[in-house]
Amino acid sequence: MLVVMFVGVMMLPIITTALRILSSFAMYDPSIGDMLSMEKLKRELILAYDIDLVSNKLTFKIGEDDHVLMYDGSRLYLTPGYQLFLDDVESLSFIKEDDEIYLEYLKAQKEFKVRLR
């Protein structure tokens, strides 16, 4: 009986550490990755000019290259190539207010509004 109690006491720190790690997984917020993607997108748009937008597409130029930021289905991506910025988006639209461009989207039943430029 003493051996079982000794082993139980020795395993107590391991069990508490494991529970702490599991609770940190439960607190993970996927919107953090989206915020990082939006910051990267803002950097892409710093040098952009000839910006034109419709509700689900933003076209612009950087240097001599034409770029299209497009919402298609559930993804926001940049072409040429395929650079993914948002995934699993329920709805998305670009909005121009004054001289600023905003991105409004709905993801996981939460609404977000991000100033892009």
N, C-alpha and C. Protein backbone atom coordinates (compact mmCIF):
# COMPACT_ATOMS: atom_id res chain seq x y z
N MET A 1 0.81 -1.19 0.00
CA MET A 1 0.00 0.00 0.00
C MET A 1 0.87 1.27 0.00
N LEU A 2 1.96 1.25 0.79
CA LEU A 2 2.85 2.40 0.83
C LEU A 2 3.53 2.62 -0.52
N VAL A 3 3.84 1.54 -1.21
CA VAL A 3 4.48 1.66 -2.52
C VAL A 3 3.53 2.33 -3.52
N VAL A 4 2.26 1.96 -3.49
CA VAL A 4 1.27 2.55 -4.40
C VAL A 4 1.11 4.04 -4.10
N MET A 5 1.06 4.41 -2.83
CA MET A 5 0.95 5.82 -2.46
C MET A 5 2.20 6.59 -2.87
N PHE A 6 3.36 5.99 -2.72
CA PHE A 6 4.61 6.63 -3.11
C PHE A 6 4.64 6.88 -4.62
N VAL A 7 4.23 5.89 -5.39
CA VAL A 7 4.20 6.04 -6.86
C VAL A 7 3.18 7.13 -7.25
N GLY A 8 2.04 7.15 -6.58
CA GLY A 8 1.03 8.18 -6.86
C GLY A 8 1.54 9.58 -6.58
N VAL A 9 2.24 9.75 -5.47
CA VAL A 9 2.80 11.05 -5.12
C VAL A 9 3.88 11.45 -6.11
N MET A 10 4.68 10.50 -6.57
CA MET A 10 5.75 10.78 -7.54
C MET A 10 5.16 11.17 -8.91
N MET A 11 3.99 10.67 -9.25
CA MET A 11 3.39 10.95 -10.55
C MET A 11 2.56 12.24 -10.53
N LEU A 12 2.28 12.79 -9.38
CA LEU A 12 1.46 13.98 -9.26
C LEU A 12 2.02 15.18 -10.06
N PRO A 13 3.31 15.49 -10.00
CA PRO A 13 3.83 16.61 -10.81
C PRO A 13 3.68 16.36 -12.32
N ILE A 14 3.84 15.14 -12.75
CA ILE A 14 3.69 14.81 -14.17
C ILE A 14 2.24 15.00 -14.61
N ILE A 15 1.32 14.58 -13.79
CA ILE A 15 -0.10 14.71 -14.12
C ILE A 15 -0.51 16.19 -14.17
N THR A 16 -0.06 16.99 -13.22
CA THR A 16 -0.42 18.41 -13.23
C THR A 16 0.17 19.12 -14.44
N THR A 17 1.39 18.78 -14.82
CA THR A 17 2.00 19.37 -16.02
C THR A 17 1.23 18.98 -17.26
N ALA A 18 0.83 17.74 -17.37
CA ALA A 18 0.06 17.28 -18.52
C ALA A 18 -1.29 18.00 -18.59
N LEU A 19 -1.94 18.21 -17.48
CA LEU A 19 -3.21 18.93 -17.47
C LEU A 19 -3.05 20.39 -17.87
N ARG A 20 -1.95 21.01 -17.46
CA ARG A 20 -1.67 22.39 -17.86
C ARG A 20 -1.46 22.49 -19.36
N ILE A 21 -0.76 21.54 -19.94
CA ILE A 21 -0.52 21.53 -21.39
C ILE A 21 -1.83 21.32 -22.14
N LEU A 22 -2.66 20.42 -21.67
CA LEU A 22 -3.95 20.19 -22.32
C LEU A 22 -4.84 21.42 -22.24
N SER A 23 -4.82 22.13 -21.15
CA SER A 23 -5.65 23.34 -21.05
C SER A 23 -5.15 24.43 -21.98
N SER A 24 -3.85 24.49 -22.24
CA SER A 24 -3.34 25.50 -23.19
C SER A 24 -3.80 25.19 -24.61
N PHE A 25 -3.98 23.93 -24.97
CA PHE A 25 -4.52 23.58 -26.29
C PHE A 25 -5.96 24.03 -26.41
N ALA A 26 -6.70 23.96 -25.34
CA ALA A 26 -8.10 24.38 -25.37
C ALA A 26 -8.23 25.89 -25.55
N MET A 27 -7.24 26.66 -25.13
CA MET A 27 -7.29 28.11 -25.25
C MET A 27 -6.76 28.61 -26.59
N TYR A 28 -6.27 27.74 -27.46
CA TYR A 28 -5.73 28.16 -28.75
C TYR A 28 -6.82 28.85 -29.57
N ASP A 29 -6.51 30.00 -30.11
CA ASP A 29 -7.46 30.78 -30.89
C ASP A 29 -6.97 30.85 -32.34
N PRO A 30 -7.68 30.25 -33.28
CA PRO A 30 -7.22 30.26 -34.67
C PRO A 30 -7.22 31.64 -35.30
N SER A 31 -7.91 32.62 -34.70
CA SER A 31 -7.91 33.96 -35.28
C SER A 31 -6.54 34.63 -35.18
N ILE A 32 -5.66 34.12 -34.33
CA ILE A 32 -4.31 34.67 -34.24
C ILE A 32 -3.58 34.48 -35.57
N GLY A 33 -3.72 33.32 -36.18
CA GLY A 33 -3.13 33.08 -37.49
C GLY A 33 -3.70 33.99 -38.55
N ASP A 34 -4.99 34.29 -38.45
CA ASP A 34 -5.62 35.21 -39.40
C ASP A 34 -5.07 36.62 -39.23
N MET A 35 -4.84 37.03 -37.99
CA MET A 35 -4.28 38.36 -37.77
C MET A 35 -2.88 38.47 -38.36
N LEU A 36 -2.09 37.42 -38.22
CA LEU A 36 -0.76 37.43 -38.82
C LEU A 36 -0.83 37.50 -40.33
N SER A 37 -1.78 36.79 -40.92
CA SER A 37 -1.98 36.84 -42.37
C SER A 37 -2.38 38.23 -42.82
N MET A 38 -3.23 38.89 -42.05
CA MET A 38 -3.66 40.24 -42.42
C MET A 38 -2.50 41.23 -42.34
N GLU A 39 -1.62 41.07 -41.37
CA GLU A 39 -0.44 41.93 -41.29
C GLU A 39 0.46 41.72 -42.51
N LYS A 40 0.59 40.48 -42.94
CA LYS A 40 1.39 40.19 -44.14
C LYS A 40 0.74 40.81 -45.37
N LEU A 41 -0.56 40.75 -45.45
CA LEU A 41 -1.28 41.32 -46.57
C LEU A 41 -1.14 42.84 -46.59
N LYS A 42 -1.17 43.48 -45.43
CA LYS A 42 -0.96 44.93 -45.36
C LYS A 42 0.40 45.30 -45.91
N ARG A 43 1.41 44.51 -45.61
CA ARG A 43 2.76 44.77 -46.13
C ARG A 43 2.80 44.63 -47.65
N GLU A 44 2.06 43.68 -48.18
CA GLU A 44 1.99 43.51 -49.64
C GLU A 44 1.39 44.75 -50.29
N LEU A 45 0.42 45.35 -49.62
CA LEU A 45 -0.31 46.47 -50.21
C LEU A 45 0.37 47.83 -50.02
N ILE A 46 1.46 47.88 -49.27
CA ILE A 46 2.15 49.15 -49.05
C ILE A 46 2.62 49.75 -50.37
N LEU A 47 3.17 48.94 -51.25
CA LEU A 47 3.72 49.41 -52.52
C LEU A 47 2.71 49.38 -53.66
N ALA A 48 1.48 49.01 -53.38
CA ALA A 48 0.48 48.84 -54.43
C ALA A 48 -0.02 50.18 -54.95
N TYR A 49 -0.35 50.19 -56.25
CA TYR A 49 -0.98 51.36 -56.87
C TYR A 49 -1.98 50.86 -57.91
N ASP A 50 -2.74 51.77 -58.50
CA ASP A 50 -3.82 51.41 -59.43
C ASP A 50 -4.77 50.39 -58.79
N ILE A 51 -5.18 50.69 -57.58
CA ILE A 51 -6.04 49.77 -56.82
C ILE A 51 -7.49 49.92 -57.29
N ASP A 52 -8.10 48.80 -57.60
CA ASP A 52 -9.50 48.76 -58.01
C ASP A 52 -10.17 47.64 -57.23
N LEU A 53 -11.39 47.89 -56.75
CA LEU A 53 -12.04 46.84 -55.99
C LEU A 53 -13.51 46.72 -56.34
N VAL A 54 -13.95 45.48 -56.27
CA VAL A 54 -15.36 45.14 -56.27
C VAL A 54 -15.59 44.36 -54.99
N SER A 55 -16.78 43.88 -54.76
CA SER A 55 -17.08 43.32 -53.44
C SER A 55 -16.20 42.14 -53.05
N ASN A 56 -15.79 41.29 -54.00
CA ASN A 56 -15.00 40.12 -53.62
C ASN A 56 -13.65 40.03 -54.33
N LYS A 57 -13.21 41.13 -54.96
CA LYS A 57 -11.94 41.10 -55.69
C LYS A 57 -11.26 42.46 -55.58
N LEU A 58 -9.95 42.43 -55.32
CA LEU A 58 -9.13 43.64 -55.24
C LEU A 58 -7.99 43.47 -56.22
N THR A 59 -7.90 44.36 -57.20
CA THR A 59 -6.81 44.29 -58.17
C THR A 59 -5.88 45.47 -57.94
N PHE A 60 -4.59 45.25 -58.14
CA PHE A 60 -3.61 46.30 -57.96
C PHE A 60 -2.33 45.93 -58.70
N LYS A 61 -1.42 46.90 -58.78
CA LYS A 61 -0.12 46.68 -59.41
C LYS A 61 0.97 46.94 -58.39
N ILE A 62 2.01 46.16 -58.51
CA ILE A 62 3.26 46.39 -57.78
C ILE A 62 4.35 46.31 -58.83
N GLY A 63 5.01 47.42 -59.06
CA GLY A 63 5.98 47.45 -60.16
C GLY A 63 5.25 47.28 -61.47
N GLU A 64 5.66 46.34 -62.28
CA GLU A 64 5.03 46.06 -63.56
C GLU A 64 4.02 44.92 -63.47
N ASP A 65 3.93 44.27 -62.32
CA ASP A 65 3.11 43.07 -62.18
C ASP A 65 1.69 43.41 -61.72
N ASP A 66 0.72 42.75 -62.33
CA ASP A 66 -0.67 42.84 -61.92
C ASP A 66 -0.96 41.77 -60.88
N HIS A 67 -1.66 42.14 -59.82
CA HIS A 67 -2.02 41.21 -58.76
C HIS A 67 -3.52 41.26 -58.53
N VAL A 68 -4.07 40.12 -58.13
CA VAL A 68 -5.50 40.04 -57.81
C VAL A 68 -5.63 39.34 -56.46
N LEU A 69 -6.27 40.03 -55.54
CA LEU A 69 -6.62 39.46 -54.24
C LEU A 69 -8.09 39.07 -54.34
N MET A 70 -8.36 37.77 -54.28
CA MET A 70 -9.70 37.29 -54.61
C MET A 70 -10.26 36.39 -53.53
N TYR A 71 -11.56 36.56 -53.30
CA TYR A 71 -12.31 35.67 -52.43
C TYR A 71 -13.09 34.73 -53.32
N ASP A 72 -12.83 33.45 -53.16
CA ASP A 72 -13.50 32.45 -53.99
C ASP A 72 -13.89 31.28 -53.10
N GLY A 73 -15.16 31.05 -52.95
CA GLY A 73 -15.61 29.95 -52.09
C GLY A 73 -15.42 30.30 -50.64
N SER A 74 -14.41 29.74 -50.03
CA SER A 74 -14.16 30.01 -48.62
C SER A 74 -12.74 30.50 -48.37
N ARG A 75 -12.05 30.92 -49.44
CA ARG A 75 -10.64 31.31 -49.30
C ARG A 75 -10.37 32.70 -49.87
N LEU A 76 -9.44 33.39 -49.23
CA LEU A 76 -8.92 34.65 -49.74
C LEU A 76 -7.48 34.39 -50.16
N TYR A 77 -7.20 34.60 -51.44
CA TYR A 77 -5.86 34.32 -51.93
C TYR A 77 -5.41 35.39 -52.91
N LEU A 78 -4.10 35.44 -53.11
CA LEU A 78 -3.45 36.42 -53.97
C LEU A 78 -2.84 35.71 -55.16
N THR A 79 -3.09 36.25 -56.35
CA THR A 79 -2.46 35.75 -57.57
C THR A 79 -1.61 36.87 -58.15
N PRO A 80 -0.60 36.66 -58.95
CA PRO A 80 -0.23 35.39 -59.60
C PRO A 80 0.33 34.40 -58.58
N GLY A 81 0.32 33.18 -58.98
CA GLY A 81 0.65 32.10 -58.05
C GLY A 81 -0.58 31.82 -57.22
N TYR A 82 -0.38 31.40 -56.01
CA TYR A 82 -1.50 31.12 -55.11
C TYR A 82 -1.00 31.30 -53.70
N GLN A 83 -1.16 32.51 -53.17
CA GLN A 83 -0.74 32.80 -51.81
C GLN A 83 -2.00 32.93 -50.96
N LEU A 84 -2.22 31.98 -50.07
CA LEU A 84 -3.44 31.90 -49.27
C LEU A 84 -3.31 32.80 -48.04
N PHE A 85 -4.33 33.65 -47.82
CA PHE A 85 -4.35 34.52 -46.65
C PHE A 85 -5.40 34.11 -45.63
N LEU A 86 -6.59 33.72 -46.07
CA LEU A 86 -7.64 33.29 -45.16
C LEU A 86 -8.28 32.03 -45.69
N ASP A 87 -8.72 31.17 -44.79
CA ASP A 87 -9.36 29.92 -45.16
C ASP A 87 -10.60 29.73 -44.27
N ASP A 88 -11.55 28.97 -44.74
CA ASP A 88 -12.79 28.69 -44.00
C ASP A 88 -13.57 29.96 -43.67
N VAL A 89 -13.63 30.87 -44.63
CA VAL A 89 -14.36 32.12 -44.46
C VAL A 89 -15.78 31.93 -44.99
N GLU A 90 -16.76 32.36 -44.21
CA GLU A 90 -18.16 32.19 -44.61
C GLU A 90 -18.61 33.27 -45.59
N SER A 91 -18.19 34.51 -45.39
CA SER A 91 -18.47 35.60 -46.32
C SER A 91 -17.37 36.64 -46.19
N LEU A 92 -17.16 37.41 -47.28
CA LEU A 92 -16.07 38.38 -47.30
C LEU A 92 -16.41 39.48 -48.29
N SER A 93 -16.03 40.71 -47.96
CA SER A 93 -16.18 41.81 -48.91
C SER A 93 -15.13 42.88 -48.62
N PHE A 94 -14.73 43.57 -49.69
CA PHE A 94 -13.83 44.70 -49.59
C PHE A 94 -14.68 45.97 -49.57
N ILE A 95 -14.29 46.92 -48.74
CA ILE A 95 -15.04 48.17 -48.60
C ILE A 95 -14.06 49.33 -48.67
N LYS A 96 -14.44 50.36 -49.44
CA LYS A 96 -13.62 51.57 -49.52
C LYS A 96 -14.37 52.69 -48.82
N GLU A 97 -13.78 53.21 -47.77
CA GLU A 97 -14.34 54.33 -47.02
C GLU A 97 -13.31 55.45 -47.04
N ASP A 98 -13.71 56.59 -47.57
CA ASP A 98 -12.79 57.71 -47.79
C ASP A 98 -11.64 57.19 -48.65
N ASP A 99 -10.42 57.28 -48.20
CA ASP A 99 -9.27 56.75 -48.97
C ASP A 99 -8.72 55.47 -48.35
N GLU A 100 -9.48 54.86 -47.48
CA GLU A 100 -9.01 53.65 -46.81
C GLU A 100 -9.76 52.43 -47.33
N ILE A 101 -9.08 51.30 -47.34
CA ILE A 101 -9.67 50.04 -47.81
C ILE A 101 -9.77 49.09 -46.62
N TYR A 102 -10.95 48.53 -46.44
CA TYR A 102 -11.21 47.60 -45.35
C TYR A 102 -11.62 46.24 -45.90
N LEU A 103 -11.37 45.25 -45.11
CA LEU A 103 -11.79 43.89 -45.42
C LEU A 103 -12.72 43.45 -44.30
N GLU A 104 -13.94 43.12 -44.65
CA GLU A 104 -14.89 42.59 -43.68
C GLU A 104 -15.16 41.14 -44.01
N TYR A 105 -15.08 40.28 -42.98
CA TYR A 105 -15.35 38.87 -43.23
C TYR A 105 -15.98 38.22 -42.02
N LEU A 106 -16.65 37.13 -42.30
CA LEU A 106 -17.32 36.34 -41.28
C LEU A 106 -16.65 34.97 -41.25
N LYS A 107 -16.16 34.60 -40.08
CA LYS A 107 -15.48 33.31 -39.92
C LYS A 107 -15.85 32.74 -38.57
N ALA A 108 -16.26 31.50 -38.56
CA ALA A 108 -16.66 30.81 -37.32
C ALA A 108 -17.69 31.63 -36.56
N GLN A 109 -18.62 32.20 -37.29
CA GLN A 109 -19.72 32.99 -36.75
C GLN A 109 -19.25 34.23 -35.98
N LYS A 110 -18.06 34.74 -36.32
CA LYS A 110 -17.55 35.98 -35.75
C LYS A 110 -17.28 36.94 -36.91
N GLU A 111 -17.62 38.20 -36.70
CA GLU A 111 -17.38 39.21 -37.72
C GLU A 111 -16.08 39.94 -37.44
N PHE A 112 -15.31 40.18 -38.51
CA PHE A 112 -14.04 40.88 -38.41
C PHE A 112 -14.01 42.01 -39.43
N LYS A 113 -13.39 43.11 -39.05
CA LYS A 113 -13.17 44.22 -39.97
C LYS A 113 -11.73 44.65 -39.82
N VAL A 114 -10.98 44.58 -40.93
CA VAL A 114 -9.55 44.85 -40.90
C VAL A 114 -9.25 45.99 -41.87
N ARG A 115 -8.51 46.97 -41.41
CA ARG A 115 -8.06 48.06 -42.29
C ARG A 115 -6.83 47.57 -43.04
N LEU A 116 -6.93 47.52 -44.36
CA LEU A 116 -5.82 47.03 -45.17
C LEU A 116 -4.89 48.16 -45.60
N ARG A 117 -5.48 49.31 -45.87
CA ARG A 117 -4.67 50.44 -46.36
C ARG A 117 -5.41 51.73 -46.19
